[in-house]
N, C-alpha and C. Protein backbone atom coordinates (compact mmCIF):
# COMPACT_ATOMS: atom_id res chain seq x y z
N MET A 1 17.63 -58.91 17.92
CA MET A 1 17.95 -60.07 17.09
C MET A 1 16.73 -60.99 17.03
N ILE A 2 16.58 -61.66 15.91
CA ILE A 2 15.42 -62.51 15.67
C ILE A 2 15.90 -63.94 15.47
N GLU A 3 15.19 -64.88 16.07
CA GLU A 3 15.54 -66.30 15.90
C GLU A 3 14.55 -66.96 14.96
N LEU A 4 15.08 -67.68 13.99
CA LEU A 4 14.28 -68.42 13.03
C LEU A 4 14.67 -69.88 13.07
N VAL A 5 13.73 -70.73 12.67
CA VAL A 5 14.04 -72.15 12.46
C VAL A 5 13.74 -72.46 11.00
N LEU A 6 14.79 -72.78 10.24
CA LEU A 6 14.67 -73.09 8.82
C LEU A 6 14.92 -74.57 8.62
N ASP A 7 13.87 -75.31 8.36
CA ASP A 7 14.00 -76.75 8.13
C ASP A 7 14.79 -77.41 9.27
N GLY A 8 14.48 -77.01 10.49
CA GLY A 8 15.12 -77.61 11.65
C GLY A 8 16.44 -76.97 12.05
N ARG A 9 16.90 -75.98 11.31
CA ARG A 9 18.17 -75.32 11.63
C ARG A 9 17.89 -73.99 12.32
N ARG A 10 18.52 -73.78 13.46
CA ARG A 10 18.33 -72.54 14.23
C ARG A 10 19.22 -71.45 13.65
N VAL A 11 18.59 -70.34 13.30
CA VAL A 11 19.31 -69.22 12.67
C VAL A 11 18.95 -67.92 13.39
N HIS A 12 19.96 -67.12 13.69
CA HIS A 12 19.72 -65.80 14.26
C HIS A 12 19.85 -64.75 13.17
N VAL A 13 18.91 -63.81 13.16
CA VAL A 13 18.86 -62.75 12.15
C VAL A 13 19.16 -61.41 12.80
N LEU A 14 20.13 -60.70 12.24
CA LEU A 14 20.50 -59.38 12.77
C LEU A 14 20.35 -58.34 11.66
N PRO A 15 19.34 -57.46 11.75
CA PRO A 15 19.21 -56.38 10.77
C PRO A 15 20.15 -55.24 11.11
N LEU A 16 20.75 -54.64 10.09
CA LEU A 16 21.75 -53.60 10.30
C LEU A 16 21.49 -52.40 9.39
N ILE A 17 21.93 -51.24 9.85
CA ILE A 17 21.82 -50.00 9.08
C ILE A 17 23.13 -49.81 8.31
N LYS A 18 23.07 -49.90 6.99
CA LYS A 18 24.28 -49.73 6.17
C LYS A 18 24.84 -48.32 6.34
N GLY A 19 26.13 -48.24 6.60
CA GLY A 19 26.81 -46.95 6.63
C GLY A 19 27.16 -46.44 8.01
N LEU A 20 26.32 -46.67 9.01
CA LEU A 20 26.59 -46.16 10.35
C LEU A 20 27.76 -46.90 10.99
N ILE A 21 28.75 -46.16 11.45
CA ILE A 21 29.90 -46.78 12.10
C ILE A 21 29.47 -47.52 13.37
N SER A 22 28.48 -46.98 14.08
CA SER A 22 28.04 -47.60 15.33
C SER A 22 27.47 -49.01 15.12
N GLU A 23 27.03 -49.33 13.91
CA GLU A 23 26.47 -50.65 13.65
C GLU A 23 27.55 -51.74 13.68
N ALA A 24 28.79 -51.36 13.43
CA ALA A 24 29.88 -52.34 13.49
C ALA A 24 30.04 -52.87 14.92
N GLU A 25 29.88 -51.98 15.89
CA GLU A 25 29.98 -52.39 17.29
C GLU A 25 28.82 -53.31 17.67
N ARG A 26 27.63 -52.99 17.17
CA ARG A 26 26.47 -53.84 17.46
C ARG A 26 26.65 -55.22 16.86
N LEU A 27 27.19 -55.25 15.65
CA LEU A 27 27.48 -56.53 15.00
C LEU A 27 28.49 -57.34 15.80
N GLU A 28 29.53 -56.67 16.28
CA GLU A 28 30.58 -57.36 17.04
C GLU A 28 30.02 -57.97 18.33
N LYS A 29 29.16 -57.24 19.02
CA LYS A 29 28.56 -57.76 20.25
C LYS A 29 27.71 -58.99 19.95
N ALA A 30 26.95 -58.95 18.88
CA ALA A 30 26.12 -60.10 18.50
C ALA A 30 26.99 -61.29 18.15
N PHE A 31 28.06 -61.04 17.43
CA PHE A 31 28.96 -62.12 17.02
C PHE A 31 29.55 -62.84 18.23
N HIS A 32 30.07 -62.07 19.18
CA HIS A 32 30.70 -62.68 20.36
C HIS A 32 29.65 -63.34 21.26
N SER A 33 28.44 -62.82 21.27
CA SER A 33 27.38 -63.41 22.08
C SER A 33 26.95 -64.76 21.53
N LEU A 34 26.91 -64.86 20.21
CA LEU A 34 26.38 -66.08 19.58
C LEU A 34 27.44 -67.11 19.23
N SER A 35 28.68 -66.64 18.94
CA SER A 35 29.71 -67.53 18.40
C SER A 35 29.13 -68.35 17.24
N PRO A 36 28.74 -67.69 16.16
CA PRO A 36 28.02 -68.37 15.07
C PRO A 36 28.86 -69.42 14.37
N SER A 37 28.18 -70.42 13.86
CA SER A 37 28.85 -71.47 13.08
C SER A 37 29.14 -71.01 11.66
N ARG A 38 28.36 -70.03 11.18
CA ARG A 38 28.51 -69.51 9.82
C ARG A 38 27.84 -68.14 9.78
N VAL A 39 28.41 -67.23 9.00
CA VAL A 39 27.81 -65.91 8.82
C VAL A 39 27.37 -65.76 7.38
N LEU A 40 26.15 -65.29 7.20
CA LEU A 40 25.57 -65.08 5.87
C LEU A 40 25.37 -63.59 5.69
N ILE A 41 25.91 -63.03 4.61
CA ILE A 41 25.94 -61.58 4.43
C ILE A 41 25.27 -61.20 3.11
N PRO A 42 24.43 -60.16 3.09
CA PRO A 42 23.65 -59.83 1.89
C PRO A 42 24.42 -59.01 0.86
N LEU A 43 25.50 -59.60 0.36
CA LEU A 43 26.33 -58.96 -0.65
C LEU A 43 26.51 -59.92 -1.82
N PRO A 44 26.78 -59.40 -3.02
CA PRO A 44 27.10 -60.29 -4.15
C PRO A 44 28.48 -60.90 -3.97
N PRO A 45 28.74 -62.02 -4.61
CA PRO A 45 30.04 -62.69 -4.44
C PRO A 45 31.22 -61.80 -4.78
N GLU A 46 31.07 -60.93 -5.78
CA GLU A 46 32.18 -60.10 -6.23
C GLU A 46 32.63 -59.09 -5.17
N GLN A 47 31.74 -58.71 -4.27
CA GLN A 47 32.07 -57.67 -3.29
C GLN A 47 32.68 -58.21 -2.01
N LEU A 48 32.51 -59.49 -1.76
CA LEU A 48 32.96 -60.05 -0.49
C LEU A 48 34.48 -59.92 -0.28
N PRO A 49 35.33 -60.28 -1.25
CA PRO A 49 36.78 -60.18 -1.02
C PRO A 49 37.25 -58.76 -0.72
N ALA A 50 36.56 -57.74 -1.28
CA ALA A 50 36.98 -56.35 -1.06
C ALA A 50 36.85 -55.93 0.39
N LEU A 51 36.02 -56.63 1.16
CA LEU A 51 35.86 -56.28 2.57
C LEU A 51 37.13 -56.53 3.36
N GLY A 52 38.00 -57.38 2.82
CA GLY A 52 39.27 -57.65 3.49
C GLY A 52 40.29 -56.55 3.30
N SER A 53 40.02 -55.64 2.37
CA SER A 53 40.93 -54.50 2.14
C SER A 53 40.10 -53.25 1.88
N PRO A 54 39.42 -52.75 2.92
CA PRO A 54 38.54 -51.58 2.74
C PRO A 54 39.25 -50.36 2.20
N GLU A 55 40.60 -50.32 2.33
CA GLU A 55 41.34 -49.18 1.79
C GLU A 55 41.22 -49.12 0.27
N SER A 56 40.83 -50.24 -0.35
CA SER A 56 40.66 -50.25 -1.80
C SER A 56 39.51 -49.35 -2.23
N PHE A 57 38.66 -48.96 -1.29
CA PHE A 57 37.54 -48.09 -1.59
C PHE A 57 37.93 -46.61 -1.55
N SER A 58 39.22 -46.31 -1.28
CA SER A 58 39.63 -44.92 -1.15
C SER A 58 39.44 -44.13 -2.44
N ASP A 59 39.52 -44.82 -3.57
CA ASP A 59 39.34 -44.16 -4.86
C ASP A 59 37.90 -44.26 -5.36
N TYR A 60 37.03 -44.87 -4.56
CA TYR A 60 35.64 -45.04 -4.99
C TYR A 60 34.90 -43.71 -4.93
N THR A 61 34.19 -43.40 -6.01
CA THR A 61 33.39 -42.17 -6.06
C THR A 61 31.92 -42.50 -5.86
N PRO A 62 31.35 -42.12 -4.73
CA PRO A 62 29.93 -42.43 -4.49
C PRO A 62 29.03 -41.72 -5.49
N SER A 63 27.90 -42.35 -5.78
CA SER A 63 26.91 -41.73 -6.65
C SER A 63 26.19 -40.61 -5.91
N ALA A 64 25.44 -39.82 -6.66
CA ALA A 64 24.67 -38.74 -6.03
C ALA A 64 23.66 -39.29 -5.03
N VAL A 65 23.07 -40.44 -5.35
CA VAL A 65 22.11 -41.07 -4.43
C VAL A 65 22.82 -41.50 -3.15
N GLU A 66 23.99 -42.11 -3.28
CA GLU A 66 24.74 -42.56 -2.10
C GLU A 66 25.17 -41.38 -1.23
N LEU A 67 25.57 -40.29 -1.86
CA LEU A 67 25.98 -39.10 -1.10
C LEU A 67 24.80 -38.51 -0.33
N ALA A 68 23.63 -38.49 -0.97
CA ALA A 68 22.45 -37.96 -0.30
C ALA A 68 22.05 -38.86 0.87
N TYR A 69 22.12 -40.17 0.65
CA TYR A 69 21.81 -41.14 1.72
C TYR A 69 22.75 -40.92 2.92
N ALA A 70 24.05 -40.81 2.63
CA ALA A 70 25.03 -40.61 3.70
C ALA A 70 24.80 -39.29 4.43
N HIS A 71 24.43 -38.26 3.68
CA HIS A 71 24.16 -36.94 4.28
C HIS A 71 23.02 -37.05 5.30
N HIS A 72 21.94 -37.67 4.92
CA HIS A 72 20.79 -37.77 5.83
C HIS A 72 21.08 -38.75 6.98
N LEU A 73 21.76 -39.86 6.66
CA LEU A 73 22.05 -40.85 7.69
C LEU A 73 22.99 -40.29 8.76
N SER A 74 23.84 -39.34 8.38
CA SER A 74 24.79 -38.77 9.34
C SER A 74 24.09 -38.03 10.48
N HIS A 75 22.79 -37.80 10.33
CA HIS A 75 21.99 -37.24 11.43
C HIS A 75 22.08 -38.13 12.67
N PHE A 76 22.35 -39.43 12.45
CA PHE A 76 22.35 -40.41 13.55
C PHE A 76 23.75 -40.83 13.98
N GLY A 77 24.78 -40.30 13.34
CA GLY A 77 26.14 -40.67 13.70
C GLY A 77 27.05 -40.68 12.49
N GLU A 78 28.31 -41.01 12.73
CA GLU A 78 29.31 -40.99 11.66
C GLU A 78 29.03 -42.09 10.64
N VAL A 79 29.27 -41.77 9.37
CA VAL A 79 28.96 -42.68 8.27
C VAL A 79 30.23 -42.96 7.46
N GLU A 80 30.37 -44.19 6.99
CA GLU A 80 31.51 -44.57 6.15
C GLU A 80 31.07 -45.47 5.02
N ILE A 81 31.86 -45.48 3.93
CA ILE A 81 31.73 -46.41 2.82
C ILE A 81 33.07 -47.11 2.68
N PRO A 82 33.11 -48.46 2.58
CA PRO A 82 31.99 -49.40 2.60
C PRO A 82 31.35 -49.49 3.98
N ALA A 83 30.18 -50.08 4.04
CA ALA A 83 29.43 -50.15 5.30
C ALA A 83 30.29 -50.81 6.39
N PRO A 84 30.55 -50.10 7.49
CA PRO A 84 31.41 -50.66 8.54
C PRO A 84 30.92 -51.99 9.10
N CYS A 85 29.59 -52.20 9.14
CA CYS A 85 29.09 -53.47 9.68
C CYS A 85 29.52 -54.65 8.81
N TRP A 86 29.54 -54.45 7.48
CA TRP A 86 29.97 -55.55 6.61
C TRP A 86 31.47 -55.79 6.74
N VAL A 87 32.25 -54.72 6.83
CA VAL A 87 33.70 -54.85 6.98
C VAL A 87 34.03 -55.57 8.27
N ARG A 88 33.35 -55.21 9.35
CA ARG A 88 33.62 -55.85 10.65
C ARG A 88 33.18 -57.30 10.64
N ALA A 89 32.08 -57.61 10.00
CA ALA A 89 31.63 -59.01 9.90
C ALA A 89 32.71 -59.85 9.23
N TYR A 90 33.26 -59.33 8.15
CA TYR A 90 34.30 -60.07 7.42
C TYR A 90 35.54 -60.27 8.29
N SER A 91 35.98 -59.20 8.96
CA SER A 91 37.20 -59.31 9.76
C SER A 91 37.01 -60.25 10.95
N LEU A 92 35.84 -60.23 11.57
CA LEU A 92 35.57 -61.14 12.68
C LEU A 92 35.61 -62.60 12.22
N CYS A 93 35.04 -62.84 11.06
CA CYS A 93 35.04 -64.21 10.54
C CYS A 93 36.45 -64.68 10.22
N GLN A 94 37.28 -63.77 9.71
CA GLN A 94 38.67 -64.14 9.44
C GLN A 94 39.42 -64.41 10.74
N GLU A 95 39.21 -63.56 11.73
CA GLU A 95 39.90 -63.71 13.01
C GLU A 95 39.54 -65.00 13.72
N HIS A 96 38.27 -65.40 13.63
CA HIS A 96 37.78 -66.55 14.39
C HIS A 96 37.55 -67.79 13.52
N GLU A 97 38.01 -67.72 12.28
CA GLU A 97 37.92 -68.85 11.34
C GLU A 97 36.48 -69.34 11.19
N VAL A 98 35.58 -68.38 11.01
CA VAL A 98 34.17 -68.68 10.78
C VAL A 98 33.88 -68.42 9.30
N GLU A 99 33.21 -69.34 8.66
CA GLU A 99 32.89 -69.19 7.24
C GLU A 99 31.89 -68.06 7.05
N ILE A 100 32.15 -67.20 6.05
CA ILE A 100 31.23 -66.13 5.70
C ILE A 100 30.87 -66.29 4.23
N LEU A 101 29.58 -66.28 3.94
CA LEU A 101 29.11 -66.56 2.58
C LEU A 101 28.20 -65.44 2.08
N PRO A 102 28.35 -65.05 0.81
CA PRO A 102 27.51 -64.00 0.22
C PRO A 102 26.14 -64.55 -0.17
N LEU A 103 25.13 -63.72 -0.03
CA LEU A 103 23.76 -64.16 -0.32
C LEU A 103 23.15 -63.50 -1.54
N ASP A 104 23.65 -62.33 -1.91
CA ASP A 104 23.01 -61.57 -2.98
C ASP A 104 23.40 -62.14 -4.35
N MET A 105 22.65 -61.77 -5.37
CA MET A 105 22.88 -62.28 -6.71
C MET A 105 24.18 -61.73 -7.31
N PRO A 106 24.84 -62.52 -8.15
CA PRO A 106 26.04 -62.02 -8.85
C PRO A 106 25.71 -60.75 -9.64
N GLU A 107 26.71 -59.93 -9.84
CA GLU A 107 26.48 -58.63 -10.46
C GLU A 107 25.94 -58.73 -11.88
N ASP A 108 26.35 -59.76 -12.64
CA ASP A 108 25.83 -59.89 -14.01
C ASP A 108 24.35 -60.26 -13.99
N VAL A 109 23.94 -61.07 -13.02
CA VAL A 109 22.52 -61.42 -12.89
C VAL A 109 21.71 -60.19 -12.51
N PHE A 110 22.24 -59.42 -11.56
CA PHE A 110 21.55 -58.19 -11.15
C PHE A 110 21.41 -57.24 -12.33
N SER A 111 22.47 -57.09 -13.12
CA SER A 111 22.41 -56.18 -14.27
C SER A 111 21.34 -56.60 -15.26
N ASP A 112 21.22 -57.90 -15.50
CA ASP A 112 20.20 -58.39 -16.43
C ASP A 112 18.79 -58.07 -15.91
N ILE A 113 18.57 -58.30 -14.61
CA ILE A 113 17.26 -58.03 -14.02
C ILE A 113 16.97 -56.54 -14.04
N TYR A 114 17.96 -55.74 -13.73
CA TYR A 114 17.79 -54.28 -13.71
C TYR A 114 17.42 -53.77 -15.09
N LEU A 115 18.15 -54.20 -16.11
CA LEU A 115 17.88 -53.74 -17.47
C LEU A 115 16.52 -54.22 -17.97
N ASP A 116 16.10 -55.38 -17.48
CA ASP A 116 14.83 -55.93 -17.93
C ASP A 116 13.63 -55.24 -17.27
N ARG A 117 13.79 -54.77 -16.05
CA ARG A 117 12.64 -54.29 -15.28
C ARG A 117 12.58 -52.79 -15.05
N VAL A 118 13.68 -52.09 -15.28
CA VAL A 118 13.69 -50.65 -15.07
C VAL A 118 13.70 -49.95 -16.42
N GLY A 119 12.69 -49.13 -16.65
CA GLY A 119 12.57 -48.43 -17.91
C GLY A 119 13.26 -47.08 -17.92
N ALA A 120 13.33 -46.48 -19.11
CA ALA A 120 14.01 -45.20 -19.27
C ALA A 120 13.37 -44.10 -18.43
N LEU A 121 12.06 -44.10 -18.35
CA LEU A 121 11.37 -43.08 -17.56
C LEU A 121 11.70 -43.21 -16.08
N GLU A 122 11.82 -44.45 -15.63
CA GLU A 122 12.17 -44.67 -14.22
C GLU A 122 13.60 -44.24 -13.93
N LEU A 123 14.50 -44.42 -14.88
CA LEU A 123 15.88 -43.94 -14.72
C LEU A 123 15.91 -42.42 -14.62
N LEU A 124 15.06 -41.78 -15.40
CA LEU A 124 14.98 -40.33 -15.35
C LEU A 124 14.46 -39.87 -13.98
N ARG A 125 13.48 -40.60 -13.46
CA ARG A 125 12.94 -40.26 -12.15
C ARG A 125 14.01 -40.43 -11.06
N GLU A 126 14.85 -41.46 -11.19
CA GLU A 126 15.92 -41.68 -10.22
C GLU A 126 16.91 -40.52 -10.25
N THR A 127 17.22 -40.03 -11.45
CA THR A 127 18.12 -38.89 -11.58
C THR A 127 17.53 -37.66 -10.89
N ARG A 128 16.24 -37.45 -11.09
CA ARG A 128 15.57 -36.32 -10.43
C ARG A 128 15.56 -36.50 -8.91
N PHE A 129 15.34 -37.73 -8.48
CA PHE A 129 15.35 -38.02 -7.04
C PHE A 129 16.71 -37.66 -6.45
N ALA A 130 17.79 -38.08 -7.14
CA ALA A 130 19.15 -37.81 -6.65
C ALA A 130 19.40 -36.31 -6.54
N LYS A 131 18.91 -35.53 -7.50
CA LYS A 131 19.15 -34.10 -7.49
C LYS A 131 18.43 -33.40 -6.34
N LYS A 132 17.27 -33.92 -5.97
CA LYS A 132 16.45 -33.27 -4.95
C LYS A 132 16.59 -33.90 -3.56
N ALA A 133 17.28 -35.06 -3.50
CA ALA A 133 17.28 -35.83 -2.25
C ALA A 133 17.94 -35.11 -1.09
N LEU A 134 18.96 -34.28 -1.37
CA LEU A 134 19.64 -33.59 -0.28
C LEU A 134 18.70 -32.68 0.50
N LYS A 135 17.76 -32.07 -0.21
CA LYS A 135 16.84 -31.13 0.42
C LYS A 135 15.51 -31.77 0.79
N ARG A 136 15.33 -33.01 0.40
CA ARG A 136 14.04 -33.67 0.67
C ARG A 136 13.94 -34.07 2.14
N ARG A 137 12.71 -34.09 2.64
CA ARG A 137 12.49 -34.47 4.03
C ARG A 137 12.23 -35.96 4.15
N PHE A 138 12.82 -36.56 5.19
CA PHE A 138 12.62 -37.97 5.46
C PHE A 138 12.30 -38.14 6.95
N ASP A 139 11.73 -39.26 7.27
CA ASP A 139 11.41 -39.57 8.67
C ASP A 139 12.71 -39.84 9.42
N LYS A 140 13.05 -38.96 10.36
CA LYS A 140 14.29 -39.12 11.12
C LYS A 140 14.02 -39.33 12.60
N THR A 141 12.90 -39.99 12.89
CA THR A 141 12.61 -40.31 14.29
C THR A 141 13.56 -41.39 14.82
N SER A 142 14.15 -42.16 13.91
CA SER A 142 15.13 -43.18 14.28
C SER A 142 15.87 -43.59 13.01
N PRO A 143 17.05 -44.21 13.14
CA PRO A 143 17.75 -44.68 11.93
C PRO A 143 16.90 -45.67 11.14
N GLU A 144 16.19 -46.53 11.87
CA GLU A 144 15.36 -47.54 11.20
C GLU A 144 14.23 -46.88 10.41
N ALA A 145 13.59 -45.88 11.02
CA ALA A 145 12.52 -45.17 10.33
C ALA A 145 13.06 -44.46 9.09
N PHE A 146 14.25 -43.90 9.22
CA PHE A 146 14.83 -43.19 8.07
C PHE A 146 15.09 -44.13 6.90
N VAL A 147 15.77 -45.28 7.15
CA VAL A 147 16.11 -46.15 6.01
C VAL A 147 14.86 -46.73 5.36
N LEU A 148 13.83 -46.98 6.15
CA LEU A 148 12.58 -47.47 5.57
C LEU A 148 11.92 -46.40 4.70
N ASP A 149 11.92 -45.16 5.18
CA ASP A 149 11.33 -44.06 4.41
C ASP A 149 12.16 -43.79 3.16
N TRP A 150 13.47 -43.78 3.31
CA TRP A 150 14.36 -43.58 2.15
C TRP A 150 14.12 -44.65 1.10
N ASP A 151 14.07 -45.90 1.52
CA ASP A 151 13.89 -47.00 0.59
C ASP A 151 12.54 -46.91 -0.13
N ALA A 152 11.50 -46.55 0.61
CA ALA A 152 10.17 -46.44 0.02
C ALA A 152 10.12 -45.36 -1.05
N LYS A 153 10.80 -44.25 -0.82
CA LYS A 153 10.78 -43.15 -1.78
C LYS A 153 11.73 -43.41 -2.95
N LEU A 154 12.87 -44.01 -2.67
CA LEU A 154 13.82 -44.32 -3.75
C LEU A 154 13.25 -45.36 -4.69
N ASN A 155 12.57 -46.36 -4.15
CA ASN A 155 12.05 -47.47 -4.95
C ASN A 155 10.53 -47.38 -5.10
N SER A 156 10.04 -46.18 -5.33
CA SER A 156 8.59 -45.98 -5.42
C SER A 156 8.00 -46.47 -6.74
N SER A 157 8.81 -46.57 -7.78
CA SER A 157 8.29 -46.99 -9.09
C SER A 157 8.23 -48.50 -9.19
N ARG A 158 7.39 -48.98 -10.10
CA ARG A 158 7.17 -50.42 -10.24
C ARG A 158 8.45 -51.17 -10.60
N GLY A 159 9.25 -50.60 -11.49
CA GLY A 159 10.47 -51.28 -11.93
C GLY A 159 11.47 -51.45 -10.81
N PHE A 160 11.72 -50.40 -10.04
CA PHE A 160 12.67 -50.49 -8.94
C PHE A 160 12.16 -51.42 -7.85
N ARG A 161 10.85 -51.39 -7.60
CA ARG A 161 10.29 -52.33 -6.61
C ARG A 161 10.48 -53.77 -7.08
N ALA A 162 10.33 -54.00 -8.38
CA ALA A 162 10.50 -55.35 -8.92
C ALA A 162 11.95 -55.83 -8.76
N VAL A 163 12.89 -54.92 -8.95
CA VAL A 163 14.30 -55.29 -8.79
C VAL A 163 14.57 -55.67 -7.34
N GLU A 164 14.08 -54.87 -6.40
CA GLU A 164 14.32 -55.18 -4.99
C GLU A 164 13.60 -56.45 -4.57
N ARG A 165 12.43 -56.69 -5.12
CA ARG A 165 11.72 -57.93 -4.82
C ARG A 165 12.52 -59.13 -5.31
N ALA A 166 13.13 -59.01 -6.48
CA ALA A 166 13.97 -60.09 -7.00
C ALA A 166 15.17 -60.33 -6.09
N ARG A 167 15.76 -59.25 -5.59
CA ARG A 167 16.87 -59.38 -4.64
C ARG A 167 16.42 -60.08 -3.36
N GLU A 168 15.28 -59.67 -2.86
CA GLU A 168 14.77 -60.26 -1.61
C GLU A 168 14.55 -61.77 -1.77
N GLU A 169 13.98 -62.15 -2.88
CA GLU A 169 13.74 -63.58 -3.12
C GLU A 169 15.05 -64.33 -3.27
N PHE A 170 16.01 -63.73 -3.97
CA PHE A 170 17.30 -64.39 -4.16
C PHE A 170 18.02 -64.55 -2.82
N ILE A 171 18.05 -63.47 -2.03
CA ILE A 171 18.74 -63.53 -0.73
C ILE A 171 18.06 -64.54 0.20
N ALA A 172 16.73 -64.53 0.22
CA ALA A 172 16.01 -65.48 1.08
C ALA A 172 16.28 -66.92 0.66
N ASN A 173 16.25 -67.19 -0.63
CA ASN A 173 16.52 -68.54 -1.10
C ASN A 173 17.96 -68.96 -0.83
N SER A 174 18.89 -68.02 -0.98
CA SER A 174 20.29 -68.31 -0.66
C SER A 174 20.44 -68.63 0.82
N ALA A 175 19.78 -67.85 1.66
CA ALA A 175 19.87 -68.08 3.10
C ALA A 175 19.31 -69.45 3.46
N ARG A 176 18.19 -69.80 2.86
CA ARG A 176 17.59 -71.10 3.14
C ARG A 176 18.52 -72.24 2.71
N ASN A 177 19.20 -72.05 1.59
CA ASN A 177 20.08 -73.10 1.08
C ASN A 177 21.41 -73.18 1.81
N LEU A 178 21.91 -72.05 2.32
CA LEU A 178 23.26 -72.01 2.89
C LEU A 178 23.30 -72.04 4.41
N ALA A 179 22.19 -71.77 5.06
CA ALA A 179 22.18 -71.73 6.52
C ALA A 179 22.43 -73.12 7.11
N ILE A 180 23.25 -73.15 8.14
CA ILE A 180 23.42 -74.34 8.94
C ILE A 180 23.00 -73.98 10.36
N ASP A 181 22.86 -74.98 11.21
CA ASP A 181 22.45 -74.71 12.58
C ASP A 181 23.45 -73.77 13.24
N GLY A 182 22.94 -72.70 13.86
CA GLY A 182 23.81 -71.74 14.52
C GLY A 182 24.31 -70.63 13.63
N SER A 183 23.74 -70.49 12.44
CA SER A 183 24.16 -69.43 11.52
C SER A 183 23.70 -68.06 12.01
N LEU A 184 24.46 -67.03 11.64
CA LEU A 184 24.07 -65.65 11.86
C LEU A 184 23.77 -65.04 10.50
N LEU A 185 22.52 -64.64 10.31
CA LEU A 185 22.07 -64.07 9.05
C LEU A 185 22.00 -62.55 9.20
N LEU A 186 22.82 -61.85 8.44
CA LEU A 186 22.83 -60.39 8.45
C LEU A 186 21.96 -59.87 7.32
N LEU A 187 21.15 -58.85 7.61
CA LEU A 187 20.27 -58.28 6.59
C LEU A 187 20.27 -56.76 6.67
N GLU A 188 20.07 -56.11 5.54
CA GLU A 188 19.81 -54.68 5.53
C GLU A 188 18.46 -54.46 6.21
N TRP A 189 18.38 -53.44 7.05
CA TRP A 189 17.15 -53.22 7.81
C TRP A 189 15.94 -53.07 6.89
N GLU A 190 16.11 -52.39 5.76
CA GLU A 190 14.99 -52.12 4.87
C GLU A 190 14.52 -53.37 4.11
N ARG A 191 15.34 -54.40 4.10
CA ARG A 191 14.95 -55.66 3.43
C ARG A 191 14.49 -56.72 4.44
N LEU A 192 14.53 -56.39 5.72
CA LEU A 192 14.25 -57.38 6.76
C LEU A 192 12.88 -58.03 6.64
N GLU A 193 11.82 -57.24 6.70
CA GLU A 193 10.47 -57.82 6.75
C GLU A 193 10.12 -58.61 5.49
N PRO A 194 10.40 -58.11 4.28
CA PRO A 194 10.09 -58.92 3.10
C PRO A 194 10.83 -60.25 3.07
N ILE A 195 12.10 -60.24 3.49
CA ILE A 195 12.87 -61.49 3.47
C ILE A 195 12.38 -62.45 4.55
N LEU A 196 12.06 -61.93 5.73
CA LEU A 196 11.50 -62.79 6.77
C LEU A 196 10.18 -63.42 6.32
N GLU A 197 9.37 -62.64 5.62
CA GLU A 197 8.10 -63.17 5.13
C GLU A 197 8.33 -64.35 4.18
N ILE A 198 9.33 -64.22 3.31
CA ILE A 198 9.64 -65.32 2.39
C ILE A 198 10.16 -66.53 3.16
N LEU A 199 11.05 -66.30 4.11
CA LEU A 199 11.63 -67.40 4.86
C LEU A 199 10.61 -68.12 5.73
N ARG A 200 9.61 -67.38 6.19
CA ARG A 200 8.59 -67.98 7.05
C ARG A 200 7.49 -68.68 6.27
N THR A 201 7.52 -68.54 4.94
CA THR A 201 6.54 -69.22 4.11
C THR A 201 7.06 -70.61 3.75
N PRO A 202 6.35 -71.66 4.12
CA PRO A 202 6.85 -73.02 3.85
C PRO A 202 7.05 -73.27 2.37
N HIS A 203 8.06 -74.09 2.05
CA HIS A 203 8.24 -74.54 0.68
C HIS A 203 7.04 -75.37 0.26
N ARG A 204 6.87 -75.52 -1.04
CA ARG A 204 5.73 -76.29 -1.54
C ARG A 204 5.78 -77.75 -1.10
N ASP A 205 7.02 -78.26 -0.92
CA ASP A 205 7.13 -79.66 -0.53
C ASP A 205 7.12 -79.85 0.99
N GLU A 206 6.94 -78.73 1.72
CA GLU A 206 6.84 -78.83 3.18
C GLU A 206 5.37 -78.98 3.57
N PRO A 207 5.09 -79.57 4.72
CA PRO A 207 3.69 -79.72 5.18
C PRO A 207 3.08 -78.38 5.52
């Protein structure tokens, strides 16, 4: 866990591996250790309520990319959709009456950015990536190494990198605006370093 000070507010940052069931236990230990005043989660507002009824995902059909990701991630343990760490974060906050707030951009905003920055050729490359991803080799020295390698290869084109950069900036700005003293900030492991870099960069009006 990483401790940050944002404009005088103490915030703990916990990076998590999406999909691994074991990450829910790690999240729970951190939650009980910290007793956070607020939990900040890197999801769009539309997805947060669904965490209260994960059974609603029973009819969800994962994309080819998601299936390939789950296949490779299962090398490190059992995998589920939706990400067990997010579901457990939501349930813990409900049980202990802790406010949980979404950090990611609304889905309509994301769609506009995606359509603006990802071209037809890049969409074709993503389709090819999905078809070959099951047999492709990734760094599996650790779950963290795998998700970083997966993310780098999935988002290798300029357009996809621009979309993720926009997400990182949005999540970081949301965290800065919504964090209170004692907050627990949850992040996808692959987005950790870029978001920390943004958060550690002083605002223009700061000394």
